[in-house]
Amino acid sequence: MHIPPQFRVYIAFFLFAMSTGSLFSRLPDLQAHLSVNKAELGLTLIGMAIGSLISLTFSSPLIVKLGTRATLAISLLGVMALLATIPLLPSAPMVFCVLFSIGLLAGALEICLNVEIGRIEAEVGFGIMNRAHGCWSLGFFVTAITASLVRQAGIGMQMHMHLLLGMMFVIGAITIAGMKNAPHVVSATTHEKQPHFALPTLALLPLCIIGTSAFLIEGAGIDWSTIYMEEVFDVSPFISGSGLTLFAFFMALARLTIDPVVDRHGARLVGRVLLSVAAFGIALAWLAPHPYAALLSFALMGAGCSAVYPMAVSAAALRTDRPAVINVAAIAQMAFVVFFLGPPLLGFVAEAFGIRNAYLVCLPLILGSIFASAALPAGPARREAAAE
């Protein structure tokens, strides 16, 4: 079967999101299965963050040695296989260990896919980054809406996850089997030794704040929206899952359509608008008097955090103080860890002060990101880069 290389990457992103989303959409059931409170559930979920941090820091040489196809086969299919064991585990410590292993694979998968995107873009001559990440969001949307229906029908977590992950495993194996590694992009810094952990400079810090705030909203929306709806409003499984569904839908919609808007109005203005929308969504989740107001808040959060991180990465890549790969790595490592580490920590806030206040604590970082958005290009990034 002939599939263009970029579509294999799209499918990999989609399957990655569908697989991890199968767990996030069933977190209320996992919490009940393990008989833990929100703080204990958050502590359990930190396993994925720790594994991701280790992988993002140290896995690059191994990825280079294995190549894209082998890395995807191990990481993507490995994530699916490990996720399938979670409904069978009897205790939170065992789930923590499995999530730690999933984090190791997920970090390597994230690096592998983004590096392959850069190589494919050089090969085909046009950008695919936003569309690829849009497929990630689309995967979360599909798994969210199907999970709402499945939970409403009373289908258990074990059957749901095993059927879904089994189907995803087969599709993933077929996709990877026909993959050919894109040619390496040779640059002046290709043979230079790069640090494993790229620390942000003071000048890069505003972009790091913008990127991490977007990932914090994304993690909070994906991990806690279902539990929030059930705990605050005691709604049906379908309505409780609709928060995640709307979050993922509007994130995917914005990512897939916003490039022309950025080209016309510039990253700085678009970033400020999106961050303001996200801030309003966070505030609405804190104050929502009715389930439908809460659902609106998750839709606003999804749209608001959608394209902020890609714009921050593009701005970092345009900086000339250090090689682009180092600046981009500095943002990526911080943001990806926040995506996994932030939501578990919010679980402790939710247990101590209520789940509404867990969303409220995100607001100062979002407001700080609005002020930091001056670091984004005032005009379209590609046009500014061409003019230099």
Protein backbone atom coordinates (compact mmCIF):
# COMPACT_ATOMS: atom_id res chain seq x y z
CA MET A 1 0.00 0.00 0.00
CA HIS A 2 1.52 3.32 -1.11
CA ILE A 3 1.05 6.00 1.54
CA PRO A 4 2.94 9.32 1.30
CA PRO A 5 5.49 9.63 4.14
CA GLN A 6 3.75 12.59 5.75
CA PHE A 7 0.51 10.63 6.03
CA ARG A 8 2.29 7.87 7.92
CA VAL A 9 3.40 10.53 10.42
CA TYR A 10 -0.17 11.88 10.60
CA ILE A 11 -1.44 8.37 11.34
CA ALA A 12 1.24 7.85 14.00
CA PHE A 13 0.27 11.08 15.78
CA PHE A 14 -3.41 10.14 15.55
CA LEU A 15 -2.82 6.64 16.96
CA PHE A 16 -0.59 7.99 19.73
CA ALA A 17 -3.34 10.37 20.85
CA MET A 18 -6.06 7.72 20.51
CA SER A 19 -4.06 5.29 22.63
CA THR A 20 -3.17 7.63 25.48
CA GLY A 21 -6.62 9.20 25.26
CA SER A 22 -8.18 5.81 25.95
CA LEU A 23 -6.65 6.01 29.42
CA PHE A 24 -7.31 9.69 30.10
CA SER A 25 -10.96 9.33 29.11
CA ARG A 26 -11.38 6.56 31.70
CA LEU A 27 -9.60 8.25 34.62
CA PRO A 28 -12.78 8.32 36.78
CA ASP A 29 -13.06 4.55 36.30
CA LEU A 30 -9.35 4.07 37.02
CA GLN A 31 -9.70 6.14 40.20
CA ALA A 32 -12.60 3.96 41.34
CA HIS A 33 -10.79 0.76 40.33
CA LEU A 34 -7.71 1.68 42.38
CA SER A 35 -9.78 3.11 45.28
CA VAL A 36 -7.62 6.25 45.51
CA ASN A 37 -8.41 9.92 46.01
CA LYS A 38 -7.48 12.67 43.56
CA ALA A 39 -4.13 13.38 45.22
CA GLU A 40 -3.17 9.70 45.10
CA LEU A 41 -4.32 9.47 41.49
CA GLY A 42 -2.20 12.51 40.67
CA LEU A 43 0.81 10.92 42.36
CA THR A 44 0.25 7.79 40.28
CA LEU A 45 0.09 9.78 37.05
CA ILE A 46 3.44 11.43 37.82
CA GLY A 47 5.05 8.18 36.73
CA MET A 48 4.50 9.13 33.11
CA ALA A 49 6.05 12.57 33.68
CA ILE A 50 9.19 11.12 35.27
CA GLY A 51 9.63 8.60 32.47
CA SER A 52 9.12 11.29 29.83
CA LEU A 53 11.70 13.60 31.41
CA ILE A 54 14.31 10.85 31.47
CA SER A 55 13.54 9.85 27.89
CA LEU A 56 13.54 13.41 26.53
CA THR A 57 16.89 13.98 28.20
CA PHE A 58 18.78 10.85 27.25
CA SER A 59 17.08 8.96 24.41
CA SER A 60 18.29 11.01 21.41
CA PRO A 61 21.48 8.97 20.72
CA LEU A 62 19.50 5.73 20.82
CA ILE A 63 16.86 7.15 18.45
CA VAL A 64 19.59 8.16 15.99
CA LYS A 65 21.09 4.66 16.19
CA LEU A 66 17.78 2.83 15.73
CA GLY A 67 16.29 5.08 13.05
CA THR A 68 12.71 6.29 12.72
CA ARG A 69 11.05 3.05 11.68
CA ALA A 70 12.53 0.92 14.47
CA THR A 71 11.98 3.65 17.07
CA LEU A 72 8.32 4.01 16.08
CA ALA A 73 7.80 0.25 16.15
CA ILE A 74 9.19 0.02 19.68
CA SER A 75 7.71 3.21 21.12
CA LEU A 76 4.27 3.48 19.51
CA LEU A 77 3.40 -0.22 19.66
CA GLY A 78 5.00 -0.46 23.09
CA VAL A 79 2.82 2.36 24.44
CA MET A 80 -0.29 0.55 23.21
CA ALA A 81 0.78 -2.78 24.71
CA LEU A 82 1.58 -1.25 28.11
CA LEU A 83 -1.65 0.75 28.21
CA ALA A 84 -3.60 -2.47 27.68
CA THR A 85 -2.22 -3.83 30.96
CA ILE A 86 -3.45 -0.94 33.13
CA PRO A 87 -7.08 -2.12 33.58
CA LEU A 88 -5.69 -5.45 34.86
CA LEU A 89 -3.41 -3.95 37.52
CA PRO A 90 -4.69 -4.14 41.12
CA SER A 91 -2.74 -1.31 42.78
CA ALA A 92 -1.63 2.28 42.24
CA PRO A 93 2.12 1.50 42.63
CA MET A 94 1.90 -1.04 39.81
CA VAL A 95 0.09 1.49 37.60
CA PHE A 96 2.80 4.03 38.46
CA CYS A 97 5.50 1.64 37.24
CA VAL A 98 3.67 0.96 33.98
CA LEU A 99 3.07 4.68 33.42
CA PHE A 100 6.77 5.31 34.06
CA SER A 101 7.59 2.83 31.29
CA ILE A 102 4.98 4.43 29.02
CA GLY A 103 6.60 7.82 29.68
CA LEU A 104 9.99 6.47 28.59
CA LEU A 105 8.49 5.32 25.30
CA ALA A 106 6.32 8.44 24.85
CA GLY A 107 9.29 10.79 25.20
CA ALA A 108 11.23 8.88 22.56
CA LEU A 109 8.16 8.81 20.32
CA GLU A 110 7.71 12.58 20.62
CA ILE A 111 11.33 13.26 19.64
CA CYS A 112 11.25 10.72 16.82
CA LEU A 113 8.07 12.06 15.22
CA ASN A 114 9.11 15.72 15.38
CA VAL A 115 12.55 15.00 13.94
CA GLU A 116 10.97 12.96 11.15
CA ILE A 117 8.58 15.84 10.41
CA GLY A 118 11.55 18.15 9.85
CA ARG A 119 13.14 15.67 7.46
CA ILE A 120 9.90 15.12 5.55
CA GLU A 121 9.32 18.88 5.26
CA ALA A 122 12.77 19.21 3.68
CA GLU A 123 11.99 16.32 1.32
CA VAL A 124 8.50 17.36 0.17
CA GLY A 125 9.09 21.11 0.23
CA PHE A 126 6.13 22.23 2.35
CA GLY A 127 5.25 22.42 6.03
CA ILE A 128 3.35 19.65 7.83
CA MET A 129 4.06 20.46 11.51
CA ASN A 130 0.71 22.07 12.37
CA ARG A 131 -1.26 19.43 10.48
CA ALA A 132 0.66 16.66 12.23
CA HIS A 133 -0.08 18.13 15.65
CA GLY A 134 -3.63 18.72 14.49
CA CYS A 135 -3.89 14.96 13.95
CA TRP A 136 -2.80 14.51 17.56
CA SER A 137 -5.67 16.75 18.67
CA LEU A 138 -8.04 15.01 16.28
CA GLY A 139 -7.10 11.68 17.86
CA PHE A 140 -8.00 12.98 21.29
CA PHE A 141 -11.29 14.29 19.96
CA VAL A 142 -12.24 10.95 18.43
CA THR A 143 -11.30 8.98 21.53
CA ALA A 144 -13.11 11.48 23.76
CA ILE A 145 -16.41 11.33 21.90
CA THR A 146 -16.29 7.53 21.56
CA ALA A 147 -15.41 7.15 25.24
CA SER A 148 -18.40 9.28 26.23
CA LEU A 149 -20.70 6.98 24.29
CA VAL A 150 -18.99 3.85 25.56
CA ARG A 151 -19.19 4.95 29.20
CA GLN A 152 -22.82 5.97 28.75
CA ALA A 153 -23.53 2.47 27.43
CA GLY A 154 -22.02 0.98 30.58
CA ILE A 155 -19.11 -0.78 28.86
CA GLY A 156 -16.29 -1.41 31.29
CA MET A 157 -12.84 0.16 31.13
CA GLN A 158 -11.12 -3.16 30.46
CA MET A 159 -13.22 -4.15 27.46
CA HIS A 160 -13.15 -0.60 26.06
CA MET A 161 -9.39 -0.20 26.27
CA HIS A 162 -8.56 -3.70 25.07
CA LEU A 163 -10.78 -3.48 21.99
CA LEU A 164 -9.60 0.02 21.08
CA LEU A 165 -5.92 -0.64 21.73
CA GLY A 166 -6.05 -3.94 19.85
CA MET A 167 -7.46 -2.22 16.78
CA MET A 168 -4.93 0.64 17.09
CA PHE A 169 -2.07 -1.87 17.41
CA VAL A 170 -2.97 -3.54 14.12
CA ILE A 171 -3.31 -0.21 12.29
CA GLY A 172 -0.04 1.01 13.78
CA ALA A 173 1.84 -2.14 12.78
CA ILE A 174 0.60 -1.85 9.18
CA THR A 175 1.52 1.86 9.05
CA ILE A 176 5.03 1.33 10.40
CA ALA A 177 5.70 -1.76 8.27
CA GLY A 178 5.64 0.30 5.05
CA MET A 179 7.58 3.27 6.42
CA LYS A 180 10.88 4.38 4.93
CA ASN A 181 13.09 6.77 6.87
CA ALA A 182 13.17 10.25 5.35
CA PRO A 183 16.65 11.50 4.32
CA HIS A 184 18.67 13.21 7.02
CA VAL A 185 18.84 16.98 6.81
CA VAL A 186 22.52 17.98 6.78
CA SER A 187 23.33 21.39 8.25
CA ALA A 188 26.31 23.22 9.66
CA THR A 189 25.49 21.94 13.14
CA THR A 190 24.78 18.32 12.17
CA HIS A 191 28.16 17.06 13.38
CA GLU A 192 28.40 19.35 16.41
CA LYS A 193 27.95 17.80 19.80
CA GLN A 194 24.71 19.10 21.26
CA PRO A 195 23.78 19.01 24.96
CA HIS A 196 21.31 16.37 26.08
CA PHE A 197 19.41 18.91 28.20
CA ALA A 198 19.19 22.34 26.58
CA LEU A 199 18.67 24.87 29.34
CA PRO A 200 16.77 28.04 28.36
CA THR A 201 18.60 31.32 28.31
CA LEU A 202 17.16 34.43 29.94
CA ALA A 203 16.16 35.74 26.50
CA LEU A 204 14.39 32.47 25.72
CA LEU A 205 12.50 32.38 29.02
CA PRO A 206 9.40 34.28 27.75
CA LEU A 207 8.91 31.73 24.97
CA CYS A 208 9.33 28.91 27.49
CA ILE A 209 6.61 30.47 29.66
CA ILE A 210 4.29 30.68 26.65
CA GLY A 211 4.95 27.08 25.65
CA THR A 212 4.58 25.60 29.13
CA SER A 213 1.36 27.50 29.79
CA ALA A 214 -0.18 26.01 26.64
CA PHE A 215 0.83 22.50 27.67
CA LEU A 216 -0.43 23.04 31.22
CA ILE A 217 -3.88 23.94 29.88
CA GLU A 218 -3.80 20.98 27.51
CA GLY A 219 -2.82 18.56 30.25
CA ALA A 220 -5.38 19.95 32.69
CA GLY A 221 -8.13 19.80 30.08
CA ILE A 222 -7.33 16.26 28.99
CA ASP A 223 -6.66 14.72 32.41
CA TRP A 224 -9.20 16.39 34.69
CA SER A 225 -12.15 17.58 32.61
CA THR A 226 -14.14 14.35 32.99
CA ILE A 227 -13.57 14.14 36.74
CA TYR A 228 -14.37 17.86 37.06
CA MET A 229 -17.75 17.43 35.35
CA GLU A 230 -18.67 14.40 37.43
CA GLU A 231 -17.60 15.86 40.76
CA VAL A 232 -18.88 19.42 40.38
CA PHE A 233 -22.17 18.75 38.58
CA ASP A 234 -22.86 15.00 39.04
CA VAL A 235 -23.87 14.59 35.38
CA SER A 236 -24.25 11.48 33.24
CA PRO A 237 -21.16 9.76 31.79
CA PHE A 238 -21.94 11.17 28.34
CA ILE A 239 -22.12 14.78 29.58
CA SER A 240 -19.05 14.36 31.80
CA GLY A 241 -17.05 13.08 28.82
CA SER A 242 -18.30 15.92 26.63
CA GLY A 243 -15.90 18.33 28.33
CA LEU A 244 -12.93 16.39 26.96
CA THR A 245 -14.70 15.98 23.62
CA LEU A 246 -15.23 19.73 23.18
CA PHE A 247 -11.72 20.53 24.40
CA ALA A 248 -10.15 18.17 21.86
CA PHE A 249 -12.49 19.20 19.02
CA PHE A 250 -11.82 22.92 19.25
CA MET A 251 -8.10 22.36 19.72
CA ALA A 252 -8.00 20.21 16.57
CA LEU A 253 -10.18 22.64 14.61
CA ALA A 254 -7.98 25.61 15.51
CA ARG A 255 -4.72 23.81 14.76
CA LEU A 256 -5.92 22.64 11.37
CA THR A 257 -7.21 26.06 10.25
CA ILE A 258 -5.21 28.80 11.99
CA ASP A 259 -2.10 28.98 9.76
CA PRO A 260 -3.65 31.50 7.30
CA VAL A 261 -4.70 33.69 10.25
CA VAL A 262 -1.14 33.71 11.61
CA ASP A 263 0.19 34.51 8.14
CA ARG A 264 -2.15 37.49 7.87
CA HIS A 265 -2.04 38.96 11.39
CA GLY A 266 1.24 37.72 12.89
CA ALA A 267 2.06 35.38 15.75
CA ARG A 268 2.10 38.05 18.45
CA LEU A 269 -1.46 39.25 17.94
CA VAL A 270 -2.83 35.74 17.37
CA GLY A 271 -0.97 34.46 20.43
CA ARG A 272 -2.40 37.17 22.67
CA VAL A 273 -5.93 36.52 21.43
CA LEU A 274 -5.60 32.77 21.95
CA LEU A 275 -4.09 33.14 25.42
CA SER A 276 -6.86 35.57 26.38
CA VAL A 277 -9.46 33.06 25.22
CA ALA A 278 -7.73 30.36 27.29
CA ALA A 279 -7.65 32.64 30.34
CA PHE A 280 -11.37 33.32 30.00
CA GLY A 281 -12.00 29.57 29.73
CA ILE A 282 -9.99 28.88 32.89
CA ALA A 283 -11.89 31.58 34.80
CA LEU A 284 -15.21 30.21 33.54
CA ALA A 285 -14.30 26.69 34.71
CA TRP A 286 -13.59 28.13 38.16
CA LEU A 287 -16.92 29.98 38.36
CA ALA A 288 -19.23 27.90 36.10
CA PRO A 289 -22.73 27.79 37.67
CA HIS A 290 -24.13 25.23 35.22
CA PRO A 291 -22.79 22.16 33.35
CA TYR A 292 -23.22 23.87 29.97
CA ALA A 293 -21.14 26.84 31.12
CA ALA A 294 -18.44 24.38 32.16
CA LEU A 295 -18.60 22.69 28.76
CA LEU A 296 -18.14 26.10 27.14
CA SER A 297 -15.09 26.68 29.34
CA PHE A 298 -13.42 23.52 28.06
CA ALA A 299 -14.17 24.48 24.46
CA LEU A 300 -12.53 27.88 25.07
CA MET A 301 -9.52 26.27 26.74
CA GLY A 302 -9.04 23.89 23.81
CA ALA A 303 -9.18 26.66 21.22
CA GLY A 304 -7.06 29.00 23.36
CA CYS A 305 -4.10 26.67 23.85
CA SER A 306 -4.23 25.17 20.36
CA ALA A 307 -1.55 26.98 18.33
CA VAL A 308 0.34 28.78 21.11
CA TYR A 309 3.06 26.16 21.53
CA PRO A 310 3.84 25.79 17.78
CA MET A 311 4.16 29.58 17.50
CA ALA A 312 6.56 29.65 20.46
CA VAL A 313 8.66 26.90 18.88
CA SER A 314 8.77 28.76 15.56
CA ALA A 315 9.89 31.94 17.33
CA ALA A 316 12.62 30.01 19.18
CA ALA A 317 13.85 28.50 15.91
CA LEU A 318 14.22 32.02 14.42
CA ARG A 319 16.55 33.19 17.20
CA THR A 320 20.21 33.55 16.24
CA ASP A 321 21.85 33.50 19.68
CA ARG A 322 22.24 29.69 19.60
CA PRO A 323 21.63 26.91 17.05
CA ALA A 324 17.91 26.52 16.44
CA VAL A 325 17.95 22.90 17.56
CA ILE A 326 19.11 23.91 21.05
CA ASN A 327 16.51 26.65 21.48
CA VAL A 328 13.72 24.42 20.24
CA ALA A 329 14.87 21.57 22.49
CA ALA A 330 14.86 23.88 25.51
CA ILE A 331 11.17 24.71 24.98
CA ALA A 332 10.18 21.18 23.98
CA GLN A 333 11.70 19.51 27.01
CA MET A 334 10.12 21.96 29.45
CA ALA A 335 6.72 21.97 27.76
CA PHE A 336 6.43 18.20 27.34
CA VAL A 337 7.33 17.58 30.98
CA VAL A 338 4.77 20.18 32.11
CA PHE A 339 2.15 18.38 29.99
CA PHE A 340 2.66 15.22 32.04
CA LEU A 341 3.77 16.67 35.39
CA GLY A 342 1.31 19.58 35.70
CA PRO A 343 -1.96 17.62 35.77
CA PRO A 344 -0.82 15.19 38.49
CA LEU A 345 0.25 18.13 40.65
CA LEU A 346 -3.14 19.72 40.04
CA GLY A 347 -4.59 16.56 41.56
CA PHE A 348 -3.07 17.50 44.90
CA VAL A 349 -4.60 20.98 44.64
CA ALA A 350 -7.96 19.44 43.73
CA GLU A 351 -7.87 17.10 46.72
CA ALA A 352 -6.88 19.86 49.16
CA PHE A 353 -8.87 22.84 47.86
CA GLY A 354 -11.44 21.48 45.40
CA ILE A 355 -11.21 20.75 41.72
CA ARG A 356 -12.49 24.21 40.70
CA ASN A 357 -9.50 25.79 42.42
CA ALA A 358 -7.17 23.37 40.62
CA TYR A 359 -8.10 25.18 37.41
CA LEU A 360 -7.78 28.56 39.07
CA VAL A 361 -4.11 28.02 39.91
CA CYS A 362 -3.41 27.81 36.15
CA LEU A 363 -4.61 31.37 35.63
CA PRO A 364 -1.51 33.30 36.84
CA LEU A 365 0.73 31.43 34.38
CA ILE A 366 -1.68 32.15 31.52
CA LEU A 367 -1.77 35.85 32.40
CA GLY A 368 2.03 35.86 32.59
CA SER A 369 2.13 34.32 29.12
CA ILE A 370 0.01 37.14 27.74
CA PHE A 371 2.64 39.63 28.93
CA ALA A 372 5.42 37.37 27.65
CA SER A 373 3.83 37.21 24.19
CA ALA A 374 5.88 40.26 23.19
CA ALA A 375 8.61 37.71 22.46
CA LEU A 376 6.55 36.32 19.58
CA PRO A 377 7.16 37.77 16.09
CA ALA A 378 4.99 40.83 15.41
CA GLY A 379 4.51 39.76 11.79
CA PRO A 380 4.26 36.38 10.11
CA ALA A 381 7.29 34.33 11.12
CA ARG A 382 8.09 33.07 7.63
CA ARG A 383 7.88 36.58 6.14
CA GLU A 384 10.11 38.05 8.87
CA ALA A 385 12.65 35.26 8.45
CA ALA A 386 12.75 35.79 4.70
CA ALA A 387 13.34 39.51 5.16
CA GLU A 388 16.41 39.00 7.40
